[in-house]
Amino acid sequence: MAKTTFETLKDLTPQELGAKGRELRQELFHLRIQQATARLEKSHRMRQIRKEIAHCETRLSQLRLAHKAKNV
């Protein structure tokens, strides 16, 4: 899976961001399983995925705040 930049996340809807976050969390889970069984080859990928999850969560938070401000 290619690395996701924050700029590409700006075009996604909240539903797409949620789905991407779930997908990334699933991948992180599988990497942790590989790490526990000593089969992990790309340990740097775990850090990348955590950062990508944070980007998704940040963008979701921004969208929620914008929506909340618009409705007030």
N, C-alpha and C. Protein backbone atom coordinates (compact mmCIF):
# COMPACT_ATOMS: atom_id res chain seq x y z
N MET A 1 0.84 -1.17 0.00
CA MET A 1 0.00 0.00 0.00
C MET A 1 0.89 1.24 0.00
N ALA A 2 0.52 2.19 -0.82
CA ALA A 2 1.30 3.41 -0.93
C ALA A 2 1.07 4.31 0.27
N LYS A 3 2.08 5.09 0.57
CA LYS A 3 2.00 6.03 1.67
C LYS A 3 0.98 7.12 1.35
N THR A 4 0.13 7.44 2.29
CA THR A 4 -0.89 8.45 2.11
C THR A 4 -0.39 9.78 2.63
N THR A 5 -0.58 10.82 1.83
CA THR A 5 -0.20 12.15 2.29
C THR A 5 -1.44 12.85 2.80
N PHE A 6 -1.23 13.83 3.63
CA PHE A 6 -2.35 14.57 4.20
C PHE A 6 -3.12 15.31 3.12
N GLU A 7 -2.42 15.74 2.08
CA GLU A 7 -3.08 16.45 0.98
C GLU A 7 -4.12 15.58 0.28
N THR A 8 -3.83 14.29 0.12
CA THR A 8 -4.79 13.40 -0.54
C THR A 8 -6.01 13.15 0.33
N LEU A 9 -5.86 13.28 1.65
CA LEU A 9 -6.98 13.05 2.56
C LEU A 9 -7.98 14.19 2.54
N LYS A 10 -7.55 15.36 2.09
CA LYS A 10 -8.44 16.52 2.07
C LYS A 10 -9.62 16.33 1.12
N ASP A 11 -9.46 15.47 0.13
CA ASP A 11 -10.51 15.25 -0.87
C ASP A 11 -11.50 14.17 -0.45
N LEU A 12 -11.23 13.45 0.62
CA LEU A 12 -12.08 12.34 1.03
C LEU A 12 -13.24 12.80 1.90
N THR A 13 -14.34 12.06 1.82
CA THR A 13 -15.51 12.33 2.66
C THR A 13 -15.27 11.69 4.03
N PRO A 14 -16.08 12.08 5.03
CA PRO A 14 -15.92 11.46 6.35
C PRO A 14 -16.10 9.94 6.33
N GLN A 15 -17.00 9.45 5.49
CA GLN A 15 -17.20 8.00 5.39
C GLN A 15 -15.96 7.31 4.81
N GLU A 16 -15.37 7.94 3.80
CA GLU A 16 -14.17 7.37 3.20
C GLU A 16 -12.99 7.42 4.17
N LEU A 17 -12.91 8.50 4.94
CA LEU A 17 -11.85 8.61 5.95
C LEU A 17 -12.00 7.53 7.02
N GLY A 18 -13.24 7.29 7.44
CA GLY A 18 -13.49 6.24 8.43
C GLY A 18 -13.10 4.88 7.90
N ALA A 19 -13.44 4.61 6.66
CA ALA A 19 -13.10 3.33 6.05
C ALA A 19 -11.59 3.18 5.91
N LYS A 20 -10.92 4.25 5.53
CA LYS A 20 -9.46 4.21 5.40
C LYS A 20 -8.81 3.98 6.76
N GLY A 21 -9.34 4.63 7.80
CA GLY A 21 -8.82 4.42 9.14
C GLY A 21 -8.97 2.98 9.60
N ARG A 22 -10.14 2.40 9.31
CA ARG A 22 -10.35 0.99 9.68
C ARG A 22 -9.40 0.07 8.92
N GLU A 23 -9.18 0.36 7.65
CA GLU A 23 -8.27 -0.42 6.83
C GLU A 23 -6.84 -0.34 7.37
N LEU A 24 -6.42 0.86 7.74
CA LEU A 24 -5.08 1.04 8.29
C LEU A 24 -4.92 0.34 9.64
N ARG A 25 -5.95 0.42 10.47
CA ARG A 25 -5.89 -0.26 11.76
C ARG A 25 -5.80 -1.78 11.58
N GLN A 26 -6.49 -2.30 10.57
CA GLN A 26 -6.43 -3.73 10.28
C GLN A 26 -5.02 -4.11 9.84
N GLU A 27 -4.42 -3.29 8.99
CA GLU A 27 -3.05 -3.56 8.54
C GLU A 27 -2.07 -3.50 9.71
N LEU A 28 -2.26 -2.52 10.60
CA LEU A 28 -1.39 -2.41 11.77
C LEU A 28 -1.53 -3.64 12.67
N PHE A 29 -2.76 -4.13 12.82
CA PHE A 29 -3.00 -5.34 13.60
C PHE A 29 -2.21 -6.51 13.03
N HIS A 30 -2.27 -6.68 11.70
CA HIS A 30 -1.56 -7.79 11.07
C HIS A 30 -0.04 -7.64 11.22
N LEU A 31 0.44 -6.41 11.17
CA LEU A 31 1.88 -6.20 11.37
C LEU A 31 2.28 -6.53 12.81
N ARG A 32 1.43 -6.21 13.76
CA ARG A 32 1.73 -6.55 15.15
C ARG A 32 1.75 -8.05 15.36
N ILE A 33 0.86 -8.75 14.68
CA ILE A 33 0.87 -10.22 14.75
C ILE A 33 2.18 -10.75 14.18
N GLN A 34 2.60 -10.21 13.05
CA GLN A 34 3.87 -10.63 12.44
C GLN A 34 5.04 -10.33 13.36
N GLN A 35 4.99 -9.19 14.04
CA GLN A 35 6.07 -8.82 14.96
C GLN A 35 6.12 -9.80 16.13
N ALA A 36 4.97 -10.19 16.63
CA ALA A 36 4.92 -11.10 17.78
C ALA A 36 5.43 -12.49 17.41
N THR A 37 5.25 -12.88 16.15
CA THR A 37 5.71 -14.20 15.72
C THR A 37 7.07 -14.13 15.03
N ALA A 38 7.73 -12.99 15.14
CA ALA A 38 9.08 -12.77 14.58
C ALA A 38 9.13 -12.96 13.07
N ARG A 39 8.08 -12.58 12.36
CA ARG A 39 8.05 -12.67 10.90
C ARG A 39 7.96 -11.29 10.25
N LEU A 40 8.12 -10.23 11.02
CA LEU A 40 7.99 -8.89 10.49
C LEU A 40 9.27 -8.48 9.76
N GLU A 41 9.13 -8.13 8.48
CA GLU A 41 10.28 -7.75 7.68
C GLU A 41 10.44 -6.24 7.59
N LYS A 42 9.33 -5.50 7.52
CA LYS A 42 9.38 -4.05 7.34
C LYS A 42 8.88 -3.37 8.61
N SER A 43 9.73 -3.29 9.59
CA SER A 43 9.31 -2.72 10.87
C SER A 43 8.99 -1.24 10.75
N HIS A 44 9.59 -0.54 9.79
CA HIS A 44 9.31 0.88 9.61
C HIS A 44 7.87 1.13 9.17
N ARG A 45 7.23 0.13 8.60
CA ARG A 45 5.86 0.28 8.11
C ARG A 45 4.89 0.53 9.26
N MET A 46 5.18 0.00 10.44
CA MET A 46 4.30 0.21 11.59
C MET A 46 4.24 1.70 11.94
N ARG A 47 5.38 2.36 11.94
CA ARG A 47 5.42 3.80 12.24
C ARG A 47 4.67 4.59 11.17
N GLN A 48 4.84 4.22 9.91
CA GLN A 48 4.14 4.90 8.82
C GLN A 48 2.62 4.77 8.97
N ILE A 49 2.18 3.59 9.30
CA ILE A 49 0.74 3.36 9.43
C ILE A 49 0.18 4.15 10.60
N ARG A 50 0.90 4.18 11.72
CA ARG A 50 0.42 4.97 12.86
C ARG A 50 0.28 6.44 12.48
N LYS A 51 1.22 6.96 11.71
CA LYS A 51 1.15 8.35 11.26
C LYS A 51 -0.03 8.56 10.31
N GLU A 52 -0.26 7.60 9.42
CA GLU A 52 -1.37 7.72 8.49
C GLU A 52 -2.71 7.68 9.23
N ILE A 53 -2.81 6.85 10.27
CA ILE A 53 -4.02 6.81 11.09
C ILE A 53 -4.23 8.17 11.75
N ALA A 54 -3.15 8.75 12.26
CA ALA A 54 -3.25 10.06 12.90
C ALA A 54 -3.70 11.12 11.90
N HIS A 55 -3.21 11.04 10.68
CA HIS A 55 -3.64 11.99 9.65
C HIS A 55 -5.14 11.86 9.39
N CYS A 56 -5.62 10.62 9.29
CA CYS A 56 -7.05 10.39 9.06
C CYS A 56 -7.87 10.95 10.22
N GLU A 57 -7.45 10.67 11.43
CA GLU A 57 -8.18 11.15 12.60
C GLU A 57 -8.16 12.68 12.68
N THR A 58 -7.04 13.29 12.34
CA THR A 58 -6.94 14.75 12.34
C THR A 58 -7.89 15.35 11.33
N ARG A 59 -7.92 14.79 10.13
CA ARG A 59 -8.83 15.31 9.09
C ARG A 59 -10.28 15.12 9.50
N LEU A 60 -10.62 13.98 10.09
CA LEU A 60 -11.98 13.76 10.57
C LEU A 60 -12.36 14.79 11.62
N SER A 61 -11.44 15.08 12.50
CA SER A 61 -11.68 16.08 13.54
C SER A 61 -11.90 17.46 12.94
N GLN A 62 -11.11 17.80 11.94
CA GLN A 62 -11.27 19.08 11.26
C GLN A 62 -12.64 19.19 10.61
N LEU A 63 -13.07 18.10 9.97
CA LEU A 63 -14.38 18.10 9.31
C LEU A 63 -15.51 18.23 10.33
N ARG A 64 -15.37 17.54 11.46
CA ARG A 64 -16.39 17.64 12.52
C ARG A 64 -16.49 19.06 13.06
N LEU A 65 -15.35 19.68 13.31
CA LEU A 65 -15.34 21.05 13.82
C LEU A 65 -15.94 22.03 12.81
N ALA A 66 -15.63 21.84 11.54
CA ALA A 66 -16.17 22.72 10.50
C ALA A 66 -17.68 22.55 10.40
N HIS A 67 -18.13 21.32 10.50
CA HIS A 67 -19.57 21.04 10.43
C HIS A 67 -20.28 21.62 11.64
N LYS A 68 -19.66 21.48 12.79
CA LYS A 68 -20.24 22.00 14.03
C LYS A 68 -20.31 23.54 13.98
N ALA A 69 -19.26 24.18 13.49
CA ALA A 69 -19.23 25.64 13.40
C ALA A 69 -20.26 26.14 12.39
N LYS A 70 -20.49 25.37 11.34
CA LYS A 70 -21.44 25.77 10.32
C LYS A 70 -22.88 25.70 10.84
N ASN A 71 -23.14 24.74 11.73
CA ASN A 71 -24.49 24.54 12.25
C ASN A 71 -24.81 25.42 13.45
N VAL A 72 -23.84 26.11 13.97
CA VAL A 72 -24.08 26.95 15.15
C VAL A 72 -24.55 28.31 14.77
